């Protein structure tokens, strides 16, 4: 698998929130593109940012670092959430105790409901 097809992303704007869906492998080879995209999304100053890792098949330690840094860059507010439900994503997040400060949800809809931008 080449770097080009190891990861794909798509962005949706839903209910005032930006949802980034990531598909594939998050590792040293694919992380620069993911970091660049996240920087662009944060620069847009969305009301809420959700990273959906549901379709990620492998989350390397660099991916965990990116999640922690994105949490900080997003201001550490409750307006940043991660969707991770499978063993490839939720387990490393829980084992490294990132779930103690990252808002972790099973689905994007749950994350939107919890941190949604609606008053």
N, C-alpha and C. Protein backbone atom coordinates (compact mmCIF):
# COMPACT_ATOMS: atom_id res chain seq x y z
N UNK A 1 0.85 -1.18 0.00
CA UNK A 1 0.00 0.00 0.00
C UNK A 1 0.89 1.24 0.00
N UNK A 2 0.67 2.12 -0.92
CA UNK A 2 1.46 3.35 -0.98
C UNK A 2 0.88 4.38 -0.03
N UNK A 3 1.66 5.40 0.26
CA UNK A 3 1.21 6.44 1.17
C UNK A 3 -0.07 7.09 0.66
N UNK A 4 -0.17 7.27 -0.65
CA UNK A 4 -1.32 7.96 -1.22
C UNK A 4 -2.63 7.26 -0.90
N UNK A 5 -2.61 5.91 -0.88
CA UNK A 5 -3.87 5.24 -0.62
C UNK A 5 -3.94 4.65 0.79
N UNK A 6 -3.01 5.01 1.66
CA UNK A 6 -3.03 4.51 3.03
C UNK A 6 -4.00 5.30 3.90
N UNK A 7 -4.35 6.50 3.46
CA UNK A 7 -5.27 7.33 4.25
C UNK A 7 -6.11 8.17 3.29
N UNK A 8 -7.35 8.36 3.68
CA UNK A 8 -8.19 9.31 2.96
C UNK A 8 -9.02 10.06 3.99
N UNK A 9 -9.39 11.27 3.64
CA UNK A 9 -10.15 12.10 4.56
C UNK A 9 -11.29 12.78 3.82
N UNK A 10 -12.29 13.14 4.56
CA UNK A 10 -13.36 13.97 4.01
C UNK A 10 -13.86 14.86 5.13
N UNK A 11 -14.35 16.02 4.76
CA UNK A 11 -14.81 17.01 5.74
C UNK A 11 -16.27 17.31 5.46
N UNK A 12 -17.05 17.31 6.54
CA UNK A 12 -18.46 17.67 6.47
C UNK A 12 -18.73 18.80 7.43
N UNK A 13 -19.61 19.67 7.07
CA UNK A 13 -20.08 20.71 7.98
C UNK A 13 -21.48 20.28 8.41
N UNK A 14 -21.64 20.03 9.70
CA UNK A 14 -22.93 19.55 10.20
C UNK A 14 -23.34 20.34 11.44
N UNK A 15 -24.49 20.96 11.37
CA UNK A 15 -25.03 21.69 12.53
C UNK A 15 -24.03 22.67 13.11
N UNK A 16 -23.27 23.35 12.28
CA UNK A 16 -22.29 24.33 12.74
C UNK A 16 -20.96 23.73 13.16
N UNK A 17 -20.85 22.41 13.11
CA UNK A 17 -19.60 21.74 13.49
C UNK A 17 -18.87 21.26 12.24
N UNK A 18 -17.56 21.15 12.36
CA UNK A 18 -16.75 20.57 11.30
C UNK A 18 -16.44 19.14 11.71
N UNK A 19 -16.78 18.19 10.85
CA UNK A 19 -16.52 16.78 11.12
C UNK A 19 -15.50 16.28 10.10
N UNK A 20 -14.35 15.84 10.60
CA UNK A 20 -13.31 15.27 9.75
C UNK A 20 -13.37 13.76 9.86
N UNK A 21 -13.67 13.09 8.76
CA UNK A 21 -13.69 11.64 8.74
C UNK A 21 -12.37 11.13 8.16
N UNK A 22 -11.73 10.24 8.89
CA UNK A 22 -10.44 9.69 8.48
C UNK A 22 -10.63 8.21 8.20
N UNK A 23 -10.04 7.74 7.10
CA UNK A 23 -10.17 6.35 6.70
C UNK A 23 -8.78 5.81 6.37
N UNK A 24 -8.44 4.65 6.92
CA UNK A 24 -7.17 4.02 6.58
C UNK A 24 -6.23 3.91 7.76
N UNK A 25 -4.96 4.18 7.49
CA UNK A 25 -3.89 4.00 8.47
C UNK A 25 -3.31 5.36 8.87
N UNK A 26 -3.25 5.62 10.16
CA UNK A 26 -2.62 6.84 10.66
C UNK A 26 -1.28 6.44 11.26
N UNK A 27 -0.20 6.75 10.53
CA UNK A 27 1.15 6.40 10.99
C UNK A 27 2.12 7.49 10.56
N UNK A 28 3.42 7.23 10.70
CA UNK A 28 4.41 8.25 10.35
C UNK A 28 4.32 8.68 8.89
N UNK A 29 3.95 7.77 8.01
CA UNK A 29 3.88 8.10 6.58
C UNK A 29 2.69 8.99 6.25
N UNK A 30 1.58 8.79 6.95
CA UNK A 30 0.36 9.54 6.62
C UNK A 30 0.11 10.73 7.54
N UNK A 31 0.82 10.81 8.65
CA UNK A 31 0.52 11.86 9.63
C UNK A 31 0.76 13.29 9.13
N UNK A 32 1.78 13.56 8.30
CA UNK A 32 1.96 14.96 7.86
C UNK A 32 0.73 15.52 7.14
N UNK A 33 0.11 14.73 6.28
CA UNK A 33 -1.07 15.21 5.56
C UNK A 33 -2.23 15.45 6.53
N UNK A 34 -2.37 14.56 7.52
CA UNK A 34 -3.44 14.72 8.50
C UNK A 34 -3.20 15.97 9.36
N UNK A 35 -1.97 16.17 9.79
CA UNK A 35 -1.64 17.36 10.59
C UNK A 35 -1.90 18.64 9.81
N UNK A 36 -1.54 18.65 8.54
CA UNK A 36 -1.74 19.83 7.71
C UNK A 36 -3.23 20.15 7.57
N UNK A 37 -4.02 19.12 7.32
CA UNK A 37 -5.46 19.32 7.18
C UNK A 37 -6.08 19.82 8.49
N UNK A 38 -5.68 19.23 9.60
CA UNK A 38 -6.20 19.67 10.90
C UNK A 38 -5.82 21.12 11.19
N UNK A 39 -4.61 21.52 10.84
CA UNK A 39 -4.19 22.91 11.04
C UNK A 39 -5.09 23.85 10.24
N UNK A 40 -5.39 23.47 9.00
CA UNK A 40 -6.28 24.28 8.17
C UNK A 40 -7.67 24.39 8.79
N UNK A 41 -8.18 23.25 9.28
CA UNK A 41 -9.52 23.25 9.87
C UNK A 41 -9.57 24.10 11.13
N UNK A 42 -8.54 24.01 11.97
CA UNK A 42 -8.50 24.80 13.20
C UNK A 42 -8.40 26.29 12.87
N UNK A 43 -7.63 26.61 11.83
CA UNK A 43 -7.50 28.01 11.41
C UNK A 43 -8.84 28.61 10.97
N UNK A 44 -9.77 27.76 10.54
CA UNK A 44 -11.11 28.22 10.15
C UNK A 44 -11.95 28.56 11.38
N UNK A 45 -11.46 28.23 12.56
CA UNK A 45 -12.12 28.49 13.84
C UNK A 45 -13.56 27.97 13.86
N UNK A 46 -13.74 26.66 13.65
CA UNK A 46 -15.10 26.12 13.68
C UNK A 46 -15.68 26.20 15.09
N UNK A 47 -17.00 26.22 15.17
CA UNK A 47 -17.66 26.23 16.48
C UNK A 47 -17.34 24.95 17.25
N UNK A 48 -17.22 23.85 16.53
CA UNK A 48 -16.87 22.56 17.12
C UNK A 48 -16.11 21.75 16.07
N UNK A 49 -15.16 20.94 16.53
CA UNK A 49 -14.37 20.09 15.63
C UNK A 49 -14.47 18.66 16.13
N UNK A 50 -14.87 17.77 15.23
CA UNK A 50 -14.99 16.35 15.56
C UNK A 50 -14.12 15.57 14.59
N UNK A 51 -13.27 14.72 15.13
CA UNK A 51 -12.46 13.82 14.30
C UNK A 51 -13.06 12.44 14.42
N UNK A 52 -13.54 11.92 13.29
CA UNK A 52 -14.18 10.60 13.26
C UNK A 52 -13.17 9.57 12.77
N UNK A 53 -12.74 8.69 13.68
CA UNK A 53 -11.75 7.66 13.36
C UNK A 53 -12.39 6.29 13.14
N UNK A 54 -13.70 6.25 12.95
CA UNK A 54 -14.42 4.99 12.82
C UNK A 54 -13.81 4.08 11.75
N UNK A 55 -13.37 4.65 10.63
CA UNK A 55 -12.85 3.85 9.53
C UNK A 55 -11.34 3.68 9.55
N UNK A 56 -10.69 4.11 10.64
CA UNK A 56 -9.24 3.95 10.75
C UNK A 56 -8.92 2.52 11.17
N UNK A 57 -8.02 1.88 10.42
CA UNK A 57 -7.68 0.48 10.70
C UNK A 57 -6.44 0.35 11.59
N UNK A 58 -5.64 1.43 11.67
CA UNK A 58 -4.45 1.41 12.52
C UNK A 58 -4.14 2.82 12.97
N UNK A 59 -3.96 3.00 14.28
CA UNK A 59 -3.66 4.32 14.85
C UNK A 59 -2.34 4.20 15.60
N UNK A 60 -1.28 4.71 14.96
CA UNK A 60 0.06 4.66 15.56
C UNK A 60 0.18 5.73 16.63
N UNK A 61 1.27 5.68 17.38
CA UNK A 61 1.48 6.65 18.46
C UNK A 61 1.49 8.08 17.94
N UNK A 62 1.96 8.28 16.71
CA UNK A 62 1.95 9.62 16.14
C UNK A 62 0.51 10.14 16.01
N UNK A 63 -0.42 9.25 15.75
CA UNK A 63 -1.83 9.63 15.68
C UNK A 63 -2.36 10.07 17.03
N UNK A 64 -1.91 9.38 18.09
CA UNK A 64 -2.31 9.76 19.44
C UNK A 64 -1.75 11.15 19.78
N UNK A 65 -0.52 11.41 19.36
CA UNK A 65 0.09 12.73 19.58
C UNK A 65 -0.71 13.80 18.85
N UNK A 66 -1.10 13.52 17.62
CA UNK A 66 -1.88 14.48 16.83
C UNK A 66 -3.20 14.80 17.54
N UNK A 67 -3.85 13.78 18.10
CA UNK A 67 -5.11 14.02 18.82
C UNK A 67 -4.89 14.93 20.02
N UNK A 68 -3.83 14.65 20.78
CA UNK A 68 -3.54 15.47 21.97
C UNK A 68 -3.21 16.91 21.56
N UNK A 69 -2.40 17.08 20.51
CA UNK A 69 -2.04 18.42 20.06
C UNK A 69 -3.25 19.17 19.50
N UNK A 70 -4.11 18.45 18.79
CA UNK A 70 -5.31 19.10 18.25
C UNK A 70 -6.21 19.56 19.38
N UNK A 71 -6.33 18.75 20.41
CA UNK A 71 -7.11 19.13 21.60
C UNK A 71 -6.57 20.45 22.16
N UNK A 72 -5.25 20.56 22.28
CA UNK A 72 -4.64 21.79 22.80
C UNK A 72 -4.87 22.96 21.85
N UNK A 73 -4.64 22.73 20.55
CA UNK A 73 -4.79 23.81 19.57
C UNK A 73 -6.23 24.28 19.47
N UNK A 74 -7.16 23.38 19.71
CA UNK A 74 -8.58 23.76 19.64
C UNK A 74 -8.99 24.51 20.90
N UNK A 75 -8.05 24.73 21.79
CA UNK A 75 -8.32 25.53 22.97
C UNK A 75 -8.65 24.71 24.21
N UNK A 76 -8.63 23.38 24.07
CA UNK A 76 -8.92 22.54 25.22
C UNK A 76 -10.35 22.68 25.71
N UNK A 77 -11.21 23.26 24.89
CA UNK A 77 -12.60 23.44 25.31
C UNK A 77 -13.37 22.16 25.07
N UNK A 78 -14.62 22.17 25.43
CA UNK A 78 -15.48 21.02 25.20
C UNK A 78 -15.96 20.93 23.77
N UNK A 79 -15.41 21.76 22.91
CA UNK A 79 -15.87 21.80 21.52
C UNK A 79 -14.97 20.99 20.59
N UNK A 80 -14.23 20.03 21.14
CA UNK A 80 -13.42 19.12 20.34
C UNK A 80 -13.74 17.71 20.80
N UNK A 81 -14.01 16.83 19.85
CA UNK A 81 -14.35 15.46 20.20
C UNK A 81 -13.73 14.49 19.22
N UNK A 82 -13.58 13.26 19.69
CA UNK A 82 -13.03 12.18 18.87
C UNK A 82 -14.05 11.05 18.84
N UNK A 83 -14.28 10.52 17.64
CA UNK A 83 -15.16 9.36 17.49
C UNK A 83 -14.26 8.16 17.23
N UNK A 84 -14.30 7.21 18.15
CA UNK A 84 -13.49 6.00 18.03
C UNK A 84 -14.20 4.88 18.76
N UNK A 85 -14.51 3.82 18.05
CA UNK A 85 -15.26 2.75 18.69
C UNK A 85 -14.60 1.38 18.57
N UNK A 86 -13.71 1.22 17.63
CA UNK A 86 -13.12 -0.09 17.41
C UNK A 86 -11.83 -0.30 18.19
N UNK A 87 -11.36 -1.54 18.24
CA UNK A 87 -10.13 -1.83 18.98
C UNK A 87 -8.90 -1.14 18.39
N UNK A 88 -8.92 -0.83 17.11
CA UNK A 88 -7.76 -0.19 16.48
C UNK A 88 -7.64 1.28 16.89
N UNK A 89 -8.72 1.87 17.33
CA UNK A 89 -8.69 3.29 17.69
C UNK A 89 -9.01 3.56 19.15
N UNK A 90 -10.14 3.07 19.61
CA UNK A 90 -10.55 3.36 20.99
C UNK A 90 -9.57 2.75 22.00
N UNK A 91 -9.09 1.55 21.73
CA UNK A 91 -8.20 0.89 22.68
C UNK A 91 -6.90 1.65 22.93
N UNK A 92 -6.16 2.07 21.88
CA UNK A 92 -4.94 2.84 22.16
C UNK A 92 -5.22 4.16 22.89
N UNK A 93 -6.34 4.79 22.57
CA UNK A 93 -6.71 6.04 23.25
C UNK A 93 -6.95 5.77 24.73
N UNK A 94 -7.63 4.68 25.04
CA UNK A 94 -7.92 4.34 26.43
C UNK A 94 -6.66 3.86 27.16
N UNK A 95 -5.83 3.06 26.50
CA UNK A 95 -4.62 2.55 27.14
C UNK A 95 -3.64 3.66 27.50
N UNK A 96 -3.60 4.70 26.68
CA UNK A 96 -2.69 5.82 26.96
C UNK A 96 -3.36 6.88 27.83
N UNK A 97 -4.60 6.61 28.24
CA UNK A 97 -5.37 7.49 29.12
C UNK A 97 -5.70 8.85 28.49
N UNK A 98 -5.61 8.92 27.16
CA UNK A 98 -6.02 10.16 26.48
C UNK A 98 -7.51 10.40 26.65
N UNK A 99 -8.26 9.32 26.88
CA UNK A 99 -9.71 9.49 27.06
C UNK A 99 -10.05 10.21 28.35
N UNK A 100 -9.05 10.44 29.22
CA UNK A 100 -9.31 11.19 30.44
C UNK A 100 -9.49 12.68 30.17
N UNK A 101 -8.95 13.16 29.03
CA UNK A 101 -9.17 14.58 28.70
C UNK A 101 -9.75 14.79 27.31
N UNK A 102 -9.75 13.77 26.46
CA UNK A 102 -10.41 13.87 25.16
C UNK A 102 -11.85 13.42 25.31
N UNK A 103 -12.75 14.12 24.69
CA UNK A 103 -14.15 13.69 24.66
C UNK A 103 -14.24 12.58 23.61
N UNK A 104 -14.54 11.37 24.05
CA UNK A 104 -14.54 10.19 23.18
C UNK A 104 -15.96 9.67 23.02
N UNK A 105 -16.38 9.47 21.77
CA UNK A 105 -17.74 9.03 21.49
C UNK A 105 -17.73 7.85 20.53
N UNK A 106 -18.85 7.11 20.52
CA UNK A 106 -18.99 5.94 19.66
C UNK A 106 -19.37 6.30 18.22
N UNK A 107 -20.12 7.40 18.07
CA UNK A 107 -20.57 7.82 16.73
C UNK A 107 -20.46 9.34 16.60
N UNK A 108 -20.42 9.79 15.37
CA UNK A 108 -20.37 11.23 15.10
C UNK A 108 -21.66 11.90 15.59
N UNK A 109 -22.79 11.21 15.46
CA UNK A 109 -24.06 11.77 15.92
C UNK A 109 -24.04 11.99 17.43
N UNK A 110 -23.46 11.02 18.19
CA UNK A 110 -23.33 11.18 19.65
C UNK A 110 -22.46 12.39 19.97
N UNK A 111 -21.36 12.52 19.25
CA UNK A 111 -20.45 13.65 19.49
C UNK A 111 -21.13 14.97 19.20
N UNK A 112 -21.86 15.03 18.09
CA UNK A 112 -22.58 16.26 17.73
C UNK A 112 -23.62 16.61 18.79
N UNK A 113 -24.32 15.61 19.28
CA UNK A 113 -25.35 15.86 20.29
C UNK A 113 -24.70 16.37 21.58
N UNK A 114 -23.54 15.82 21.92
CA UNK A 114 -22.90 16.19 23.18
C UNK A 114 -22.21 17.55 23.14
N UNK A 115 -21.52 17.84 22.03
CA UNK A 115 -20.76 19.10 21.97
C UNK A 115 -21.33 20.04 20.93
N UNK A 116 -22.49 19.69 20.42
CA UNK A 116 -23.11 20.47 19.36
C UNK A 116 -23.10 21.96 19.61
N UNK A 117 -23.23 22.69 18.56
CA UNK A 117 -23.14 24.14 18.63
C UNK A 117 -24.48 24.80 18.87
N UNK A 118 -25.51 23.98 19.02
CA UNK A 118 -26.83 24.54 19.28
C UNK A 118 -26.87 25.09 20.70
N UNK A 119 -27.54 26.22 20.93
CA UNK A 119 -27.63 26.78 22.29
C UNK A 119 -28.47 25.90 23.20
